[in-house]
Amino acid sequence: MRRVVGALILFAAACGGEKAKPAPAADTSTRPAPTPPAVTGTVHEVKMELVNGNYQFEPITLTIKPGDTVKWINFSGGPHNVQFKKDRVPAGADAVLNAAMAGRMGDLTGPFLIDSLATYQVSFANAPAGTYAYTCQPHEMRGMNATLSVQP
């Protein structure tokens, strides 16, 4: 068996064939990475976690002021993300949220946080007052839902 394998290796080396083509050059364009709006108000932290078999946001309700920022932290049980419920945000909030959500996966949907203690921030500068319902897309059916209120 060794002789067969050795012969195959020698045969393949002797055949030569075409020289390997160089890999395409890396994209060196200077496209700017999306950056979230500057934080101007208070930063509020919300844990995304698995506690005793229950997926949850902590706190489950939060009240903030216009201009504040919410920072979600993948504390345990990920991957997690933030997806605002289109039919449960104030009128006019869609455009403001979509503009403030860097790296969106879709309409009103933030990216998955896979790494432990990874964070995701959304600024509520120019956000209309009212209640914003949101969920963790992978764990919505497991009850991982919360609300925040923007109050002047």
C-alpha atoms as a PDB file:
ATOM      1  CA  MET A   1       0.000   0.000   0.000  1.00  0.00           C
ATOM      2  CA  ARG A   2       2.872   2.375   0.821  1.00  0.00           C
ATOM      3  CA  ARG A   3       4.342   1.854  -2.622  1.00  0.00           C
ATOM      4  CA  VAL A   4       1.037   2.696  -4.306  1.00  0.00           C
ATOM      5  CA  VAL A   5       0.630   5.920  -2.307  1.00  0.00           C
ATOM      6  CA  GLY A   6       4.269   6.857  -2.923  1.00  0.00           C
ATOM      7  CA  ALA A   7       3.933   6.177  -6.652  1.00  0.00           C
ATOM      8  CA  LEU A   8       0.815   8.322  -6.846  1.00  0.00           C
ATOM      9  CA  ILE A   9       2.607  11.210  -5.141  1.00  0.00           C
ATOM     10  CA  LEU A  10       5.586  10.926  -7.510  1.00  0.00           C
ATOM     11  CA  PHE A  11       3.290  10.675 -10.537  1.00  0.00           C
ATOM     12  CA  ALA A  12       1.328  13.761  -9.478  1.00  0.00           C
ATOM     13  CA  ALA A  13       4.529  15.733  -8.900  1.00  0.00           C
ATOM     14  CA  ALA A  14       6.005  14.670 -12.254  1.00  0.00           C
ATOM     15  CA  CYS A  15       2.911  15.625 -14.209  1.00  0.00           C
ATOM     16  CA  GLY A  16       3.331  19.220 -13.199  1.00  0.00           C
ATOM     17  CA  GLY A  17       0.312  20.596 -15.016  1.00  0.00           C
ATOM     18  CA  GLU A  18      -0.493  24.275 -14.965  1.00  0.00           C
ATOM     19  CA  LYS A  19       1.233  26.520 -12.518  1.00  0.00           C
ATOM     20  CA  ALA A  20      -0.979  27.687  -9.696  1.00  0.00           C
ATOM     21  CA  LYS A  21      -2.608  31.001 -10.432  1.00  0.00           C
ATOM     22  CA  PRO A  22      -1.996  33.719  -7.862  1.00  0.00           C
ATOM     23  CA  ALA A  23      -4.879  34.496  -5.572  1.00  0.00           C
ATOM     24  CA  PRO A  24      -6.865  37.618  -6.459  1.00  0.00           C
ATOM     25  CA  ALA A  25      -5.602  40.742  -4.766  1.00  0.00           C
ATOM     26  CA  ALA A  26      -7.339  41.700  -1.557  1.00  0.00           C
ATOM     27  CA  ASP A  27      -9.886  44.500  -1.740  1.00  0.00           C
ATOM     28  CA  THR A  28      -7.951  47.518  -0.580  1.00  0.00           C
ATOM     29  CA  SER A  29     -10.656  50.078  -1.241  1.00  0.00           C
ATOM     30  CA  THR A  30     -11.224  52.542   1.514  1.00  0.00           C
ATOM     31  CA  ARG A  31     -14.895  51.947   2.182  1.00  0.00           C
ATOM     32  CA  PRO A  32     -15.717  53.376   5.598  1.00  0.00           C
ATOM     33  CA  ALA A  33     -17.123  50.978   8.161  1.00  0.00           C
ATOM     34  CA  PRO A  34     -20.578  51.908   9.436  1.00  0.00           C
ATOM     35  CA  THR A  35     -20.366  53.762  12.695  1.00  0.00           C
ATOM     36  CA  PRO A  36     -23.168  54.349  15.157  1.00  0.00           C
ATOM     37  CA  PRO A  37     -24.153  57.932  15.932  1.00  0.00           C
ATOM     38  CA  ALA A  38     -22.170  59.681  18.659  1.00  0.00           C
ATOM     39  CA  VAL A  39     -23.436  59.113  22.177  1.00  0.00           C
ATOM     40  CA  THR A  40     -24.821  62.355  23.587  1.00  0.00           C
ATOM     41  CA  GLY A  41     -26.959  61.298  26.547  1.00  0.00           C
ATOM     42  CA  THR A  42     -26.903  58.594  29.188  1.00  0.00           C
ATOM     43  CA  VAL A  43     -25.892  55.058  28.188  1.00  0.00           C
ATOM     44  CA  HIS A  44     -28.259  52.422  29.610  1.00  0.00           C
ATOM     45  CA  GLU A  45     -27.146  48.776  29.728  1.00  0.00           C
ATOM     46  CA  VAL A  46     -29.450  45.820  29.069  1.00  0.00           C
ATOM     47  CA  LYS A  47     -28.210  42.280  29.678  1.00  0.00           C
ATOM     48  CA  MET A  48     -29.176  39.532  27.244  1.00  0.00           C
ATOM     49  CA  GLU A  49     -29.017  36.347  29.255  1.00  0.00           C
ATOM     50  CA  LEU A  50     -30.083  32.813  30.015  1.00  0.00           C
ATOM     51  CA  VAL A  51     -31.106  32.428  33.664  1.00  0.00           C
ATOM     52  CA  ASN A  52     -32.434  29.125  35.014  1.00  0.00           C
ATOM     53  CA  GLY A  53     -33.419  28.017  31.510  1.00  0.00           C
ATOM     54  CA  ASN A  54     -35.191  31.290  30.711  1.00  0.00           C
ATOM     55  CA  TYR A  55     -33.967  33.666  27.998  1.00  0.00           C
ATOM     56  CA  GLN A  56     -34.450  37.267  29.057  1.00  0.00           C
ATOM     57  CA  PHE A  57     -33.519  40.913  28.764  1.00  0.00           C
ATOM     58  CA  GLU A  58     -32.578  42.510  32.074  1.00  0.00           C
ATOM     59  CA  PRO A  59     -34.224  44.895  32.681  1.00  0.00           C
ATOM     60  CA  ILE A  60     -37.340  43.830  30.807  1.00  0.00           C
ATOM     61  CA  THR A  61     -38.642  47.425  30.789  1.00  0.00           C
ATOM     62  CA  LEU A  62     -36.558  50.559  30.560  1.00  0.00           C
ATOM     63  CA  THR A  63     -37.360  54.275  30.438  1.00  0.00           C
ATOM     64  CA  ILE A  64     -34.936  56.611  28.686  1.00  0.00           C
ATOM     65  CA  LYS A  65     -34.822  60.180  27.414  1.00  0.00           C
ATOM     66  CA  PRO A  66     -34.431  61.303  23.793  1.00  0.00           C
ATOM     67  CA  GLY A  67     -30.695  61.354  23.013  1.00  0.00           C
ATOM     68  CA  ASP A  68     -29.896  58.462  25.346  1.00  0.00           C
ATOM     69  CA  THR A  69     -28.254  55.273  24.095  1.00  0.00           C
ATOM     70  CA  VAL A  70     -29.088  51.678  24.926  1.00  0.00           C
ATOM     71  CA  LYS A  71     -26.227  49.172  25.024  1.00  0.00           C
ATOM     72  CA  TRP A  72     -27.247  45.507  24.899  1.00  0.00           C
ATOM     73  CA  ILE A  73     -24.705  43.019  26.279  1.00  0.00           C
ATOM     74  CA  ASN A  74     -24.572  39.316  25.337  1.00  0.00           C
ATOM     75  CA  PHE A  75     -24.170  38.161  28.915  1.00  0.00           C
ATOM     76  CA  SER A  76     -25.058  34.462  28.477  1.00  0.00           C
ATOM     77  CA  GLY A  77     -27.063  32.055  26.331  1.00  0.00           C
ATOM     78  CA  GLY A  78     -26.287  33.692  22.966  1.00  0.00           C
ATOM     79  CA  PRO A  79     -26.361  34.288  20.135  1.00  0.00           C
ATOM     80  CA  HIS A  80     -28.685  37.203  20.725  1.00  0.00           C
ATOM     81  CA  ASN A  81     -29.807  40.264  18.796  1.00  0.00           C
ATOM     82  CA  VAL A  82     -32.261  43.142  18.996  1.00  0.00           C
ATOM     83  CA  GLN A  83     -35.242  43.273  16.657  1.00  0.00           C
ATOM     84  CA  PHE A  84     -37.766  46.066  17.110  1.00  0.00           C
ATOM     85  CA  LYS A  85     -41.375  45.119  16.383  1.00  0.00           C
ATOM     86  CA  LYS A  86     -42.460  47.227  13.402  1.00  0.00           C
ATOM     87  CA  ASP A  87     -46.083  47.416  14.526  1.00  0.00           C
ATOM     88  CA  ARG A  88     -45.118  48.271  18.114  1.00  0.00           C
ATOM     89  CA  VAL A  89     -42.914  51.354  17.777  1.00  0.00           C
ATOM     90  CA  PRO A  90     -44.106  54.995  17.591  1.00  0.00           C
ATOM     91  CA  ALA A  91     -45.011  56.513  14.227  1.00  0.00           C
ATOM     92  CA  GLY A  92     -41.882  57.771  12.479  1.00  0.00           C
ATOM     93  CA  ALA A  93     -39.538  55.640  14.581  1.00  0.00           C
ATOM     94  CA  ASP A  94     -38.655  53.180  11.784  1.00  0.00           C
ATOM     95  CA  ALA A  95     -36.397  55.572   9.870  1.00  0.00           C
ATOM     96  CA  VAL A  96     -34.700  56.859  13.038  1.00  0.00           C
ATOM     97  CA  LEU A  97     -34.010  53.350  14.323  1.00  0.00           C
ATOM     98  CA  ASN A  98     -32.780  51.991  11.000  1.00  0.00           C
ATOM     99  CA  ALA A  99     -30.348  54.921  10.704  1.00  0.00           C
ATOM    100  CA  ALA A 100     -29.086  54.369  14.269  1.00  0.00           C
ATOM    101  CA  MET A 101     -28.645  50.575  13.976  1.00  0.00           C
ATOM    102  CA  ALA A 102     -25.151  49.857  12.613  1.00  0.00           C
ATOM    103  CA  GLY A 103     -24.681  46.514  10.863  1.00  0.00           C
ATOM    104  CA  ARG A 104     -28.398  45.784  10.505  1.00  0.00           C
ATOM    105  CA  MET A 105     -29.413  42.346   9.220  1.00  0.00           C
ATOM    106  CA  GLY A 106     -32.746  43.728   8.029  1.00  0.00           C
ATOM    107  CA  ASP A 107     -35.420  46.275   8.785  1.00  0.00           C
ATOM    108  CA  LEU A 108     -35.239  47.182  12.505  1.00  0.00           C
ATOM    109  CA  THR A 109     -33.008  44.121  13.100  1.00  0.00           C
ATOM    110  CA  GLY A 110     -29.545  44.310  14.642  1.00  0.00           C
ATOM    111  CA  PRO A 111     -26.766  41.761  14.058  1.00  0.00           C
ATOM    112  CA  PHE A 112     -26.281  38.605  16.107  1.00  0.00           C
ATOM    113  CA  LEU A 113     -23.996  38.946  19.112  1.00  0.00           C
ATOM    114  CA  ILE A 114     -22.129  35.658  19.244  1.00  0.00           C
ATOM    115  CA  ASP A 115     -19.164  36.342  21.521  1.00  0.00           C
ATOM    116  CA  SER A 116     -19.584  36.491  25.279  1.00  0.00           C
ATOM    117  CA  LEU A 117     -19.875  40.102  26.487  1.00  0.00           C
ATOM    118  CA  ALA A 118     -20.248  41.429  22.921  1.00  0.00           C
ATOM    119  CA  THR A 119     -22.263  44.648  22.837  1.00  0.00           C
ATOM    120  CA  TYR A 120     -24.617  46.469  20.487  1.00  0.00           C
ATOM    121  CA  GLN A 121     -25.605  50.111  20.881  1.00  0.00           C
ATOM    122  CA  VAL A 122     -28.495  52.121  19.497  1.00  0.00           C
ATOM    123  CA  SER A 123     -28.782  55.872  19.957  1.00  0.00           C
ATOM    124  CA  PHE A 124     -32.250  57.275  20.490  1.00  0.00           C
ATOM    125  CA  ALA A 125     -31.262  60.767  19.355  1.00  0.00           C
ATOM    126  CA  ASN A 126     -34.214  62.222  17.410  1.00  0.00           C
ATOM    127  CA  ALA A 127     -36.351  59.213  18.341  1.00  0.00           C
ATOM    128  CA  PRO A 128     -40.036  59.988  18.833  1.00  0.00           C
ATOM    129  CA  ALA A 129     -41.445  59.637  22.323  1.00  0.00           C
ATOM    130  CA  GLY A 130     -43.371  56.462  23.021  1.00  0.00           C
ATOM    131  CA  THR A 131     -43.022  52.756  23.700  1.00  0.00           C
ATOM    132  CA  TYR A 132     -40.709  50.513  21.651  1.00  0.00           C
ATOM    133  CA  ALA A 133     -41.279  46.750  21.806  1.00  0.00           C
ATOM    134  CA  TYR A 134     -38.344  44.529  20.875  1.00  0.00           C
ATOM    135  CA  THR A 135     -37.277  40.918  20.936  1.00  0.00           C
ATOM    136  CA  CYS A 136     -34.273  38.648  20.513  1.00  0.00           C
ATOM    137  CA  GLN A 137     -34.955  37.047  17.143  1.00  0.00           C
ATOM    138  CA  PRO A 138     -33.498  33.575  17.952  1.00  0.00           C
ATOM    139  CA  HIS A 139     -35.280  33.453  21.323  1.00  0.00           C
ATOM    140  CA  GLU A 140     -38.545  35.285  20.667  1.00  0.00           C
ATOM    141  CA  MET A 141     -40.574  32.081  20.897  1.00  0.00           C
ATOM    142  CA  ARG A 142     -38.856  31.365  24.208  1.00  0.00           C
ATOM    143  CA  GLY A 143     -40.205  34.633  25.654  1.00  0.00           C
ATOM    144  CA  MET A 144     -37.189  36.936  25.198  1.00  0.00           C
ATOM    145  CA  ASN A 145     -39.164  40.156  24.703  1.00  0.00           C
ATOM    146  CA  ALA A 146     -38.896  43.604  26.280  1.00  0.00           C
ATOM    147  CA  THR A 147     -39.981  47.222  25.958  1.00  0.00           C
ATOM    148  CA  LEU A 148     -38.384  50.585  26.361  1.00  0.00           C
ATOM    149  CA  SER A 149     -40.070  53.954  26.649  1.00  0.00           C
ATOM    150  CA  VAL A 150     -38.644  57.191  25.331  1.00  0.00           C
ATOM    151  CA  GLN A 151     -40.017  60.031  27.473  1.00  0.00           C
ATOM    152  CA  PRO A 152     -39.055  63.710  27.278  1.00  0.00           C
END
